[in-house]
Every structure is written in structure tokens, then in C-alpha cells.
Amino acid sequence: MSDLSHYQQLGLTEDASFDEIQAAKERLKQQHSGDQKVIENIEAAYDSILMDRLRLRQEGKIKVPERIRFPEKQTKKVPDSFTPGLTEKGPVWLQKLIDTPSQADILWPTGIYVVLGAISIYSGVSQPSILQLTLALGVGGCLYFLNRKENKFGRAVLLTVGGLILGLILGGILSALATGLSTEIFITLVTFLVLWMVSCFLR
């Protein structure tokens, strides 16, 4: 394990987020709970990564969230009724699926889908083929934003296709509420809303 870099010891790349670094440390500590030497190596690798990130922050290259700089402020007392394997945030698979986006992670998709929605409204009436184009661009945007988060193209495709199908179904169900818009435009806008939520809040 000592022959590997600190990032490799935690199974990470150098562009890993702080949340990914912490999650990797906790996961490895649980896996090797009976081997104190391995746990010490994990802690040392984690500390070295944080020191490296702090140095980069001092150089103005990254910003370290306060929960990383001051972890003692985030410490919570474990309740007496604590049950191992259960967390306050929910199941592990759900934590891996839901993302806490940064401001940029929200603003970029918002801008893209607002523009696509405006094009759909103003051009979709006279040129219905525009709706197909904007919808294709919306799907491509969702795929791009999801893949950019963790570089897992397969999962990004599944989430994007799921969001597209959900948006189309939901738009069809709610199309009776469309006032002043054609059914096709309304369904497209609802689909954009679902794709925007997928882009921002899933990973």
C-alpha cells in the first residue's frame, strides 16, 4: 500500500471532490476495521491529501469547504438508539445517487434549459421540428452534465434516459393543464424541467 500515491491508496483520482475523499476514507476504514496498520495508512493518506488541498487553496487554485477545514464543527453526538448500518441521510445507494450541487452546477444547466425552453416556446409554434432539435439538445446537455460529475458514462446514460421518459410521461399526464401552449410544447417544457432536476441533483 505504501508504494501507491495517497490518492491511489484511497482508490481516487487527483480531481476527486472532498465528499468523495471523505467517503472513500470511511469506506476503507470499515472494510479494514480489524487491521490497525491499514487504518493508520488510510488516515495518513487522507491527511496528506488534505494538506495538499490546503496548499492548493493557499495558492488560490481551489476552495476548501468549511466542513473539511473544521470537521470538529460538524461532529454530532451519536444517539443512544444508534443502529450500525443506518444513517440519518438514508441508504448508501441513495446517498451515492443524490448530489449536493455547487452554485455553478445549478447555474449552467439552468441557463441551458431556460434558453432551450425559450426557443421551444417562440419557435416551436411555427416550426414543430424545432421541438425535436431542442429536446435532443436538452438530452445531450443532461448527459454531459451528469457524465462530467463522476465520469461514469453508463450511469449518466441511464439517468438521462430515465429522466427523458419520466419527463415525457409526466408532460403527457399534465398536458391538460397547458393553457396557451400546444401540447407538444408543454410536454417539451416539462421534460426540460425533469432533465434539469436530473442534471443538478443526481450523479
Protein backbone atom coordinates (compact mmCIF):
# COMPACT_ATOMS: atom_id res chain seq x y z
CA MET A 1 0.00 0.00 0.00
CA SER A 2 2.95 2.34 0.71
CA ASP A 3 4.08 2.05 -2.93
CA LEU A 4 0.90 3.78 -4.07
CA SER A 5 0.20 7.50 -4.09
CA HIS A 6 -2.06 8.91 -1.39
CA TYR A 7 -4.92 9.18 -3.88
CA GLN A 8 -4.38 5.61 -5.10
CA GLN A 9 -4.40 4.33 -1.52
CA LEU A 10 -7.94 5.66 -1.22
CA GLY A 11 -8.90 4.48 -4.71
CA LEU A 12 -9.28 8.04 -6.01
CA THR A 13 -8.02 10.29 -8.76
CA GLU A 14 -6.45 13.68 -8.09
CA ASP A 15 -9.57 15.52 -9.25
CA ALA A 16 -11.77 13.78 -6.67
CA SER A 17 -14.13 16.01 -4.70
CA PHE A 18 -13.86 16.46 -0.93
CA ASP A 19 -17.04 14.42 -0.44
CA GLU A 20 -15.55 11.58 -2.48
CA ILE A 21 -12.32 11.71 -0.45
CA GLN A 22 -14.17 11.52 2.86
CA ALA A 23 -16.48 8.77 1.61
CA ALA A 24 -13.50 6.72 0.37
CA LYS A 25 -11.74 7.07 3.73
CA GLU A 26 -14.79 5.95 5.70
CA ARG A 27 -15.49 3.07 3.33
CA LEU A 28 -11.92 1.76 3.52
CA LYS A 29 -11.83 2.09 7.31
CA GLN A 30 -14.96 -0.02 7.55
CA GLN A 31 -13.53 -2.62 5.15
CA HIS A 32 -10.30 -2.91 7.15
CA SER A 33 -11.74 -2.36 10.62
CA GLY A 34 -9.68 -5.22 12.05
CA ASP A 35 -6.30 -4.12 10.64
CA GLN A 36 -4.94 -1.17 12.61
CA LYS A 37 -1.89 -0.80 10.36
CA VAL A 38 -4.03 -0.43 7.24
CA ILE A 39 -6.30 2.05 9.02
CA GLU A 40 -3.26 4.11 10.02
CA ASN A 41 -2.14 4.14 6.37
CA ILE A 42 -5.62 5.23 5.28
CA GLU A 43 -5.65 8.06 7.83
CA ALA A 44 -2.15 9.13 6.79
CA ALA A 45 -3.13 9.17 3.11
CA TYR A 46 -6.27 11.16 3.94
CA ASP A 47 -4.28 13.70 5.99
CA SER A 48 -1.70 14.05 3.21
CA ILE A 49 -4.43 14.71 0.64
CA LEU A 50 -5.99 17.36 2.87
CA MET A 51 -2.62 19.03 3.36
CA ASP A 52 -2.11 19.02 -0.39
CA ARG A 53 -5.57 20.50 -0.93
CA LEU A 54 -4.92 23.20 1.70
CA ARG A 55 -1.68 24.11 -0.05
CA LEU A 56 -3.54 24.40 -3.34
CA ARG A 57 -6.14 26.54 -1.62
CA GLN A 58 -3.47 28.89 -0.29
CA GLU A 59 -2.22 29.22 -3.83
CA GLY A 60 -5.73 30.19 -4.89
CA LYS A 61 -6.29 27.09 -7.01
CA ILE A 62 -9.17 25.55 -5.05
CA LYS A 63 -11.57 26.45 -2.28
CA VAL A 64 -11.89 24.10 0.69
CA PRO A 65 -15.38 23.90 2.26
CA GLU A 66 -15.58 24.73 5.96
CA ARG A 67 -16.83 21.24 6.78
CA ILE A 68 -13.43 19.94 5.60
CA ARG A 69 -11.30 22.63 7.24
CA PHE A 70 -13.18 22.46 10.53
CA PRO A 71 -14.58 18.92 10.83
CA GLU A 72 -14.99 19.29 14.61
CA LYS A 73 -17.84 21.75 13.97
CA GLN A 74 -19.69 19.02 12.08
CA THR A 75 -19.33 16.37 14.81
CA LYS A 76 -22.66 15.18 16.10
CA LYS A 77 -23.34 13.13 19.19
CA VAL A 78 -24.37 9.60 18.30
CA PRO A 79 -27.81 8.91 19.78
CA ASP A 80 -28.23 6.03 22.22
CA SER A 81 -30.57 4.32 19.78
CA PHE A 82 -27.97 4.34 17.00
CA THR A 83 -28.10 1.22 14.87
CA PRO A 84 -24.98 0.29 12.83
CA GLY A 85 -25.63 0.32 9.11
CA LEU A 86 -28.28 3.04 9.32
CA THR A 87 -27.55 6.73 8.81
CA GLU A 88 -29.64 9.85 9.12
CA LYS A 89 -29.21 10.58 5.42
CA GLY A 90 -30.75 7.33 4.22
CA PRO A 91 -29.48 4.25 2.39
CA VAL A 92 -25.98 4.22 0.90
CA TRP A 93 -27.29 3.72 -2.65
CA LEU A 94 -29.45 6.83 -2.27
CA GLN A 95 -26.53 8.89 -0.97
CA LYS A 96 -24.49 7.81 -4.00
CA LEU A 97 -27.31 8.84 -6.34
CA ILE A 98 -28.24 12.23 -4.89
CA ASP A 99 -25.84 15.12 -5.40
CA THR A 100 -25.42 18.36 -3.46
CA PRO A 101 -24.65 20.70 -6.35
CA SER A 102 -22.46 23.77 -6.21
CA GLN A 103 -23.75 27.09 -7.49
CA ALA A 104 -22.05 26.51 -10.85
CA ASP A 105 -23.58 23.02 -11.07
CA ILE A 106 -27.01 24.65 -10.87
CA LEU A 107 -26.45 27.82 -12.90
CA TRP A 108 -25.07 26.16 -16.04
CA PRO A 109 -27.91 23.65 -16.52
CA THR A 110 -30.44 26.35 -15.59
CA GLY A 111 -29.11 28.67 -18.27
CA ILE A 112 -29.09 25.93 -20.89
CA TYR A 113 -32.65 24.75 -20.21
CA VAL A 114 -34.05 28.28 -19.96
CA VAL A 115 -32.61 29.06 -23.39
CA LEU A 116 -33.89 25.80 -24.86
CA GLY A 117 -37.30 26.40 -23.29
CA ALA A 118 -37.48 29.92 -24.73
CA ILE A 119 -36.55 28.63 -28.19
CA SER A 120 -39.19 25.93 -27.92
CA ILE A 121 -41.90 28.42 -26.96
CA TYR A 122 -41.12 31.05 -29.58
CA SER A 123 -40.11 28.83 -32.49
CA GLY A 124 -42.00 25.62 -31.77
CA VAL A 125 -45.33 27.00 -32.90
CA SER A 126 -44.22 27.95 -36.41
CA GLN A 127 -41.62 25.20 -36.79
CA PRO A 128 -42.54 21.98 -34.94
CA SER A 129 -39.25 20.38 -35.97
CA ILE A 130 -37.51 22.87 -33.66
CA LEU A 131 -39.01 20.99 -30.70
CA GLN A 132 -37.24 17.80 -31.73
CA LEU A 133 -33.96 19.69 -32.02
CA THR A 134 -34.27 21.44 -28.66
CA LEU A 135 -35.32 18.20 -26.98
CA ALA A 136 -32.28 16.42 -28.44
CA LEU A 137 -30.05 19.25 -27.20
CA GLY A 138 -31.68 19.02 -23.78
CA VAL A 139 -30.98 15.28 -23.59
CA GLY A 140 -27.40 15.88 -24.70
CA GLY A 141 -26.97 18.59 -22.08
CA CYS A 142 -28.25 16.33 -19.31
CA LEU A 143 -25.91 13.56 -20.41
CA TYR A 144 -22.96 15.97 -20.47
CA PHE A 145 -23.63 17.44 -17.01
CA LEU A 146 -24.11 14.01 -15.41
CA ASN A 147 -21.03 12.49 -17.03
CA ARG A 148 -18.92 15.49 -16.01
CA LYS A 149 -19.60 14.88 -12.32
CA GLU A 150 -18.09 11.38 -11.96
CA ASN A 151 -17.07 10.30 -15.49
CA LYS A 152 -19.46 7.34 -15.37
CA PHE A 153 -20.94 7.42 -18.85
CA GLY A 154 -23.10 4.32 -18.48
CA ARG A 155 -24.85 5.62 -15.38
CA ALA A 156 -25.18 9.06 -16.99
CA VAL A 157 -26.94 7.48 -19.98
CA LEU A 158 -29.33 5.52 -17.73
CA LEU A 159 -30.23 8.56 -15.65
CA THR A 160 -30.67 10.73 -18.74
CA VAL A 161 -32.91 8.20 -20.49
CA GLY A 162 -34.88 7.73 -17.27
CA GLY A 163 -35.30 11.49 -16.94
CA LEU A 164 -36.40 11.77 -20.57
CA ILE A 165 -39.01 9.03 -20.21
CA LEU A 166 -40.27 10.44 -16.90
CA GLY A 167 -40.49 13.93 -18.39
CA LEU A 168 -42.43 12.76 -21.43
CA ILE A 169 -44.86 10.70 -19.33
CA LEU A 170 -45.32 13.47 -16.75
CA GLY A 171 -45.77 16.06 -19.50
CA GLY A 172 -48.40 13.89 -21.17
CA ILE A 173 -50.28 13.45 -17.89
CA LEU A 174 -50.19 17.17 -17.10
CA SER A 175 -50.85 18.32 -20.66
CA ALA A 176 -54.46 19.06 -19.72
CA LEU A 177 -53.07 21.97 -17.70
CA ALA A 178 -51.45 23.52 -20.77
CA THR A 179 -53.12 26.88 -21.31
CA GLY A 180 -51.95 28.98 -24.21
CA LEU A 181 -49.37 26.38 -25.27
CA SER A 182 -49.64 23.47 -27.64
CA THR A 183 -49.49 20.01 -26.09
CA GLU A 184 -46.13 19.28 -27.76
CA ILE A 185 -44.53 22.46 -26.41
CA PHE A 186 -45.92 21.84 -22.91
CA ILE A 187 -44.59 18.27 -22.86
CA THR A 188 -41.20 19.53 -24.05
CA LEU A 189 -41.05 22.14 -21.26
CA VAL A 190 -41.99 19.59 -18.59
CA THR A 191 -39.31 17.26 -19.94
CA PHE A 192 -36.76 20.09 -19.73
CA LEU A 193 -37.74 20.63 -16.09
CA VAL A 194 -37.20 16.95 -15.27
CA LEU A 195 -33.88 16.85 -17.16
CA TRP A 196 -32.77 19.99 -15.32
CA MET A 197 -33.52 18.34 -11.96
CA VAL A 198 -31.67 15.20 -13.01
CA SER A 199 -28.68 17.25 -14.22
CA CYS A 200 -28.44 19.25 -10.99
CA PHE A 201 -29.43 16.86 -8.22
CA LEU A 202 -28.37 13.39 -9.39
CA ARG A 203 -24.95 11.98 -10.18
